[in-house]
Amino acid sequence: MQYISMIFLAGIVLIFATSTKGQNRTASKKEGNKEMKNNPYYSHTDNKPLAVSDAEWKKILDPGTYQIAREKGTERAFTGEYWDNHKKGTYYCAVCGKPLFSSDTKFESGTGWPSFYQPLTPGSTRDIHDGSHGMDRTEVVCARCGSHLGHVFDDGPAPTHLRYCMNSAVLDFELKK
């Protein structure tokens, strides 16, 4: 009985630590967005491709954004800021500010990540073959800065039947005015 109580307590501690970690990452990301004023590459209108070293990005980006954007990381499901966002607006690259997705193409995929059935414009993102982790997938990167955003799968809704499964940590959101 004492063993079961210890396992239960350990589970509660793990759940608390996990949820606190997600909250801290979100708070950090929000603080990082305020600091985007210090990012000389961040623009919603400049479409010029960027050639910035990872060392330079590491100086500019918060650690969570850097890890996903530049090291091709993935946030845990159901922890990101935008997976359950139902507000109308535009999603931008959190690294360079490029407009990426409209809330009009966002849908509930049940995966725990923000999902869209198409990018804002055909040139918003680029697809790259990803054979990592023994899988055959298609990575989605920002067309302007090359940052990792997530992956695209062919199990989405009409009209495209695609599911752009993105990481909240590499997205900024601006409400529709």
C-alpha atoms as a PDB file:
ATOM      1  CA  MET A   1       0.000   0.000   0.000  1.00  0.00           C
ATOM      2  CA  GLN A   2       2.850   2.371   0.870  1.00  0.00           C
ATOM      3  CA  TYR A   3       4.474   1.566  -2.511  1.00  0.00           C
ATOM      4  CA  ILE A   4       1.250   2.504  -4.365  1.00  0.00           C
ATOM      5  CA  SER A   5       1.016   5.756  -2.367  1.00  0.00           C
ATOM      6  CA  MET A   6       4.600   6.610  -3.324  1.00  0.00           C
ATOM      7  CA  ILE A   7       3.874   5.934  -7.009  1.00  0.00           C
ATOM      8  CA  PHE A   8       0.712   8.052  -6.799  1.00  0.00           C
ATOM      9  CA  LEU A   9       2.627  10.916  -5.149  1.00  0.00           C
ATOM     10  CA  ALA A  10       5.418  10.648  -7.734  1.00  0.00           C
ATOM     11  CA  GLY A  11       2.791  10.818 -10.485  1.00  0.00           C
ATOM     12  CA  ILE A  12       1.251  13.946  -8.977  1.00  0.00           C
ATOM     13  CA  VAL A  13       4.684  15.580  -8.692  1.00  0.00           C
ATOM     14  CA  LEU A  14       5.449  14.652 -12.310  1.00  0.00           C
ATOM     15  CA  ILE A  15       2.135  16.083 -13.530  1.00  0.00           C
ATOM     16  CA  PHE A  16       2.742  19.302 -11.588  1.00  0.00           C
ATOM     17  CA  ALA A  17       6.316  19.608 -12.857  1.00  0.00           C
ATOM     18  CA  THR A  18       5.224  18.975 -16.424  1.00  0.00           C
ATOM     19  CA  SER A  19       2.387  21.503 -16.299  1.00  0.00           C
ATOM     20  CA  THR A  20       4.600  24.071 -14.576  1.00  0.00           C
ATOM     21  CA  LYS A  21       7.298  23.557 -17.185  1.00  0.00           C
ATOM     22  CA  GLY A  22       4.784  24.231 -19.967  1.00  0.00           C
ATOM     23  CA  GLN A  23       3.559  27.361 -18.190  1.00  0.00           C
ATOM     24  CA  ASN A  24       7.106  28.619 -17.777  1.00  0.00           C
ATOM     25  CA  ARG A  25       7.845  28.024 -21.446  1.00  0.00           C
ATOM     26  CA  THR A  26       4.729  29.941 -22.446  1.00  0.00           C
ATOM     27  CA  ALA A  27       5.615  32.802 -20.098  1.00  0.00           C
ATOM     28  CA  SER A  28       9.160  32.766 -21.462  1.00  0.00           C
ATOM     29  CA  LYS A  29       7.857  32.849 -25.032  1.00  0.00           C
ATOM     30  CA  LYS A  30       5.598  35.802 -24.262  1.00  0.00           C
ATOM     31  CA  GLU A  31       8.505  37.615 -22.669  1.00  0.00           C
ATOM     32  CA  GLY A  32      10.597  36.694 -25.708  1.00  0.00           C
ATOM     33  CA  ASN A  33       7.978  38.193 -28.015  1.00  0.00           C
ATOM     34  CA  LYS A  34       8.234  41.493 -26.160  1.00  0.00           C
ATOM     35  CA  GLU A  35      11.945  41.288 -26.853  1.00  0.00           C
ATOM     36  CA  MET A  36      11.366  40.836 -30.593  1.00  0.00           C
ATOM     37  CA  LYS A  37      11.941  44.580 -30.812  1.00  0.00           C
ATOM     38  CA  ASN A  38      15.593  43.597 -30.261  1.00  0.00           C
ATOM     39  CA  ASN A  39      15.441  41.225 -33.238  1.00  0.00           C
ATOM     40  CA  PRO A  40      16.635  43.225 -36.278  1.00  0.00           C
ATOM     41  CA  TYR A  41      15.335  40.509 -38.626  1.00  0.00           C
ATOM     42  CA  TYR A  42      11.726  40.470 -37.353  1.00  0.00           C
ATOM     43  CA  SER A  43       9.301  41.976 -39.886  1.00  0.00           C
ATOM     44  CA  HIS A  44       5.766  41.258 -41.063  1.00  0.00           C
ATOM     45  CA  THR A  45       6.460  42.918 -44.437  1.00  0.00           C
ATOM     46  CA  ASP A  46      10.066  42.080 -45.421  1.00  0.00           C
ATOM     47  CA  ASN A  47      10.124  38.991 -47.651  1.00  0.00           C
ATOM     48  CA  LYS A  48      13.862  39.041 -48.335  1.00  0.00           C
ATOM     49  CA  PRO A  49      15.345  35.612 -47.502  1.00  0.00           C
ATOM     50  CA  LEU A  50      17.600  35.642 -44.462  1.00  0.00           C
ATOM     51  CA  ALA A  51      21.050  34.098 -44.106  1.00  0.00           C
ATOM     52  CA  VAL A  52      21.633  34.330 -40.349  1.00  0.00           C
ATOM     53  CA  SER A  53      23.909  31.947 -38.474  1.00  0.00           C
ATOM     54  CA  ASP A  54      22.571  29.754 -35.694  1.00  0.00           C
ATOM     55  CA  ALA A  55      25.040  31.485 -33.363  1.00  0.00           C
ATOM     56  CA  GLU A  56      23.361  34.828 -34.130  1.00  0.00           C
ATOM     57  CA  TRP A  57      19.854  33.351 -33.694  1.00  0.00           C
ATOM     58  CA  LYS A  58      20.946  31.896 -30.353  1.00  0.00           C
ATOM     59  CA  LYS A  59      21.781  35.419 -29.146  1.00  0.00           C
ATOM     60  CA  ILE A  60      18.379  36.763 -30.248  1.00  0.00           C
ATOM     61  CA  LEU A  61      15.851  33.990 -29.529  1.00  0.00           C
ATOM     62  CA  ASP A  62      14.654  32.653 -26.197  1.00  0.00           C
ATOM     63  CA  PRO A  63      15.923  29.094 -25.533  1.00  0.00           C
ATOM     64  CA  GLY A  64      12.569  27.359 -26.196  1.00  0.00           C
ATOM     65  CA  THR A  65      12.057  29.054 -29.552  1.00  0.00           C
ATOM     66  CA  TYR A  66      15.688  28.453 -30.524  1.00  0.00           C
ATOM     67  CA  GLN A  67      15.527  24.750 -29.669  1.00  0.00           C
ATOM     68  CA  ILE A  68      12.490  24.158 -31.875  1.00  0.00           C
ATOM     69  CA  ALA A  69      13.282  26.611 -34.676  1.00  0.00           C
ATOM     70  CA  ARG A  70      16.977  25.964 -35.140  1.00  0.00           C
ATOM     71  CA  GLU A  71      17.489  22.480 -33.653  1.00  0.00           C
ATOM     72  CA  LYS A  72      14.270  20.987 -35.067  1.00  0.00           C
ATOM     73  CA  GLY A  73      12.753  20.269 -31.678  1.00  0.00           C
ATOM     74  CA  THR A  74       9.109  19.604 -30.853  1.00  0.00           C
ATOM     75  CA  GLU A  75       7.048  20.859 -27.958  1.00  0.00           C
ATOM     76  CA  ARG A  76       4.946  18.370 -26.009  1.00  0.00           C
ATOM     77  CA  ALA A  77       1.367  17.917 -27.240  1.00  0.00           C
ATOM     78  CA  PHE A  78      -1.307  20.061 -25.560  1.00  0.00           C
ATOM     79  CA  THR A  79       1.287  22.388 -23.957  1.00  0.00           C
ATOM     80  CA  GLY A  80       1.742  25.083 -26.606  1.00  0.00           C
ATOM     81  CA  GLU A  81       0.094  28.461 -26.485  1.00  0.00           C
ATOM     82  CA  TYR A  82      -1.919  28.107 -29.717  1.00  0.00           C
ATOM     83  CA  TRP A  83      -3.093  24.476 -29.956  1.00  0.00           C
ATOM     84  CA  ASP A  84      -6.505  25.486 -28.566  1.00  0.00           C
ATOM     85  CA  ASN A  85      -6.632  29.083 -29.838  1.00  0.00           C
ATOM     86  CA  HIS A  86      -9.978  29.850 -31.492  1.00  0.00           C
ATOM     87  CA  LYS A  87      -9.467  33.577 -32.064  1.00  0.00           C
ATOM     88  CA  LYS A  88      -9.455  35.085 -35.552  1.00  0.00           C
ATOM     89  CA  GLY A  89      -6.157  36.430 -36.806  1.00  0.00           C
ATOM     90  CA  THR A  90      -2.830  35.683 -38.440  1.00  0.00           C
ATOM     91  CA  TYR A  91       0.005  33.412 -37.317  1.00  0.00           C
ATOM     92  CA  TYR A  92       3.543  34.655 -37.961  1.00  0.00           C
ATOM     93  CA  CYS A  93       6.993  33.080 -37.724  1.00  0.00           C
ATOM     94  CA  ALA A  94       8.200  33.864 -34.196  1.00  0.00           C
ATOM     95  CA  VAL A  95      11.778  33.973 -35.498  1.00  0.00           C
ATOM     96  CA  CYS A  96      11.519  36.408 -38.435  1.00  0.00           C
ATOM     97  CA  GLY A  97       7.912  37.679 -38.430  1.00  0.00           C
ATOM     98  CA  LYS A  98       6.881  36.264 -41.825  1.00  0.00           C
ATOM     99  CA  PRO A  99       3.097  35.767 -42.151  1.00  0.00           C
ATOM    100  CA  LEU A 100       2.496  31.989 -42.258  1.00  0.00           C
ATOM    101  CA  PHE A 101      -1.099  30.925 -41.561  1.00  0.00           C
ATOM    102  CA  SER A 102      -4.598  32.354 -41.218  1.00  0.00           C
ATOM    103  CA  SER A 103      -6.931  31.307 -38.428  1.00  0.00           C
ATOM    104  CA  ASP A 104      -9.455  30.674 -41.236  1.00  0.00           C
ATOM    105  CA  THR A 105      -7.469  27.533 -42.161  1.00  0.00           C
ATOM    106  CA  LYS A 106      -6.911  26.320 -38.590  1.00  0.00           C
ATOM    107  CA  PHE A 107      -8.808  23.205 -37.522  1.00  0.00           C
ATOM    108  CA  GLU A 108      -9.135  20.831 -34.577  1.00  0.00           C
ATOM    109  CA  SER A 109      -6.903  17.876 -35.380  1.00  0.00           C
ATOM    110  CA  GLY A 110      -6.968  16.332 -31.914  1.00  0.00           C
ATOM    111  CA  THR A 111      -3.173  16.096 -31.935  1.00  0.00           C
ATOM    112  CA  GLY A 112      -2.426  18.814 -29.361  1.00  0.00           C
ATOM    113  CA  TRP A 113      -0.590  21.066 -31.813  1.00  0.00           C
ATOM    114  CA  PRO A 114      -1.992  23.947 -33.873  1.00  0.00           C
ATOM    115  CA  SER A 115      -3.053  22.478 -37.203  1.00  0.00           C
ATOM    116  CA  PHE A 116      -3.818  24.229 -40.485  1.00  0.00           C
ATOM    117  CA  TYR A 117      -4.901  22.862 -43.860  1.00  0.00           C
ATOM    118  CA  GLN A 118      -2.835  25.366 -45.885  1.00  0.00           C
ATOM    119  CA  PRO A 119      -0.286  28.166 -45.504  1.00  0.00           C
ATOM    120  CA  LEU A 120      -1.351  31.789 -45.861  1.00  0.00           C
ATOM    121  CA  THR A 121       0.234  32.027 -49.333  1.00  0.00           C
ATOM    122  CA  PRO A 122       1.985  29.418 -51.498  1.00  0.00           C
ATOM    123  CA  GLY A 123       5.384  30.983 -50.681  1.00  0.00           C
ATOM    124  CA  SER A 124       4.948  31.248 -46.901  1.00  0.00           C
ATOM    125  CA  THR A 125       6.566  27.916 -46.101  1.00  0.00           C
ATOM    126  CA  ARG A 126       8.874  25.389 -47.731  1.00  0.00           C
ATOM    127  CA  ASP A 127       8.671  21.607 -47.498  1.00  0.00           C
ATOM    128  CA  ILE A 128      11.775  19.498 -46.931  1.00  0.00           C
ATOM    129  CA  HIS A 129      12.038  15.699 -46.839  1.00  0.00           C
ATOM    130  CA  ASP A 130      12.722  14.521 -43.272  1.00  0.00           C
ATOM    131  CA  GLY A 131      13.997  10.978 -42.783  1.00  0.00           C
ATOM    132  CA  SER A 132      14.997  11.467 -39.145  1.00  0.00           C
ATOM    133  CA  HIS A 133      14.011   9.072 -36.350  1.00  0.00           C
ATOM    134  CA  GLY A 134      13.457   6.274 -38.871  1.00  0.00           C
ATOM    135  CA  MET A 135      10.362   7.999 -40.300  1.00  0.00           C
ATOM    136  CA  ASP A 136       9.516   9.327 -43.737  1.00  0.00           C
ATOM    137  CA  ARG A 137       7.984  12.775 -43.150  1.00  0.00           C
ATOM    138  CA  THR A 138       7.832  16.236 -44.661  1.00  0.00           C
ATOM    139  CA  GLU A 139       9.303  19.013 -42.542  1.00  0.00           C
ATOM    140  CA  VAL A 140       7.824  22.513 -42.853  1.00  0.00           C
ATOM    141  CA  VAL A 141      10.161  25.494 -42.538  1.00  0.00           C
ATOM    142  CA  CYS A 142       9.632  29.233 -42.787  1.00  0.00           C
ATOM    143  CA  ALA A 143      10.395  30.297 -46.348  1.00  0.00           C
ATOM    144  CA  ARG A 144      12.138  33.473 -45.159  1.00  0.00           C
ATOM    145  CA  CYS A 145      14.422  32.321 -42.317  1.00  0.00           C
ATOM    146  CA  GLY A 146      14.458  28.525 -42.749  1.00  0.00           C
ATOM    147  CA  SER A 147      13.338  27.873 -39.181  1.00  0.00           C
ATOM    148  CA  HIS A 148      11.708  24.553 -38.373  1.00  0.00           C
ATOM    149  CA  LEU A 149       7.955  24.970 -37.798  1.00  0.00           C
ATOM    150  CA  GLY A 150       6.693  21.378 -37.715  1.00  0.00           C
ATOM    151  CA  HIS A 151       5.582  18.776 -40.256  1.00  0.00           C
ATOM    152  CA  VAL A 152       2.854  18.375 -42.875  1.00  0.00           C
ATOM    153  CA  PHE A 153       0.781  15.200 -43.221  1.00  0.00           C
ATOM    154  CA  ASP A 154      -1.823  14.078 -45.763  1.00  0.00           C
ATOM    155  CA  ASP A 155      -4.614  13.402 -43.254  1.00  0.00           C
ATOM    156  CA  GLY A 156      -6.187  16.862 -43.074  1.00  0.00           C
ATOM    157  CA  PRO A 157      -9.617  18.144 -44.098  1.00  0.00           C
ATOM    158  CA  ALA A 158     -10.817  19.305 -47.510  1.00  0.00           C
ATOM    159  CA  PRO A 159     -10.036  21.199 -49.611  1.00  0.00           C
ATOM    160  CA  THR A 160      -6.313  20.307 -49.373  1.00  0.00           C
ATOM    161  CA  HIS A 161      -6.468  17.153 -47.217  1.00  0.00           C
ATOM    162  CA  LEU A 162      -3.241  18.369 -45.597  1.00  0.00           C
ATOM    163  CA  ARG A 163      -2.464  18.879 -41.905  1.00  0.00           C
ATOM    164  CA  TYR A 164       0.258  21.399 -41.181  1.00  0.00           C
ATOM    165  CA  CYS A 165       1.099  20.353 -37.624  1.00  0.00           C
ATOM    166  CA  MET A 166       3.003  23.322 -36.167  1.00  0.00           C
ATOM    167  CA  ASN A 167       4.753  24.110 -32.883  1.00  0.00           C
ATOM    168  CA  SER A 168       3.276  27.051 -30.940  1.00  0.00           C
ATOM    169  CA  ALA A 169       6.749  28.078 -29.734  1.00  0.00           C
ATOM    170  CA  VAL A 170       7.723  29.134 -33.267  1.00  0.00           C
ATOM    171  CA  LEU A 171       4.491  31.014 -33.967  1.00  0.00           C
ATOM    172  CA  ASP A 172       3.312  34.489 -33.030  1.00  0.00           C
ATOM    173  CA  PHE A 173      -0.366  35.363 -33.268  1.00  0.00           C
ATOM    174  CA  GLU A 174      -1.966  38.701 -34.010  1.00  0.00           C
ATOM    175  CA  LEU A 175      -5.690  39.227 -33.573  1.00  0.00           C
ATOM    176  CA  LYS A 176      -7.682  40.286 -36.596  1.00  0.00           C
ATOM    177  CA  LYS A 177      -8.553  43.966 -36.312  1.00  0.00           C
END
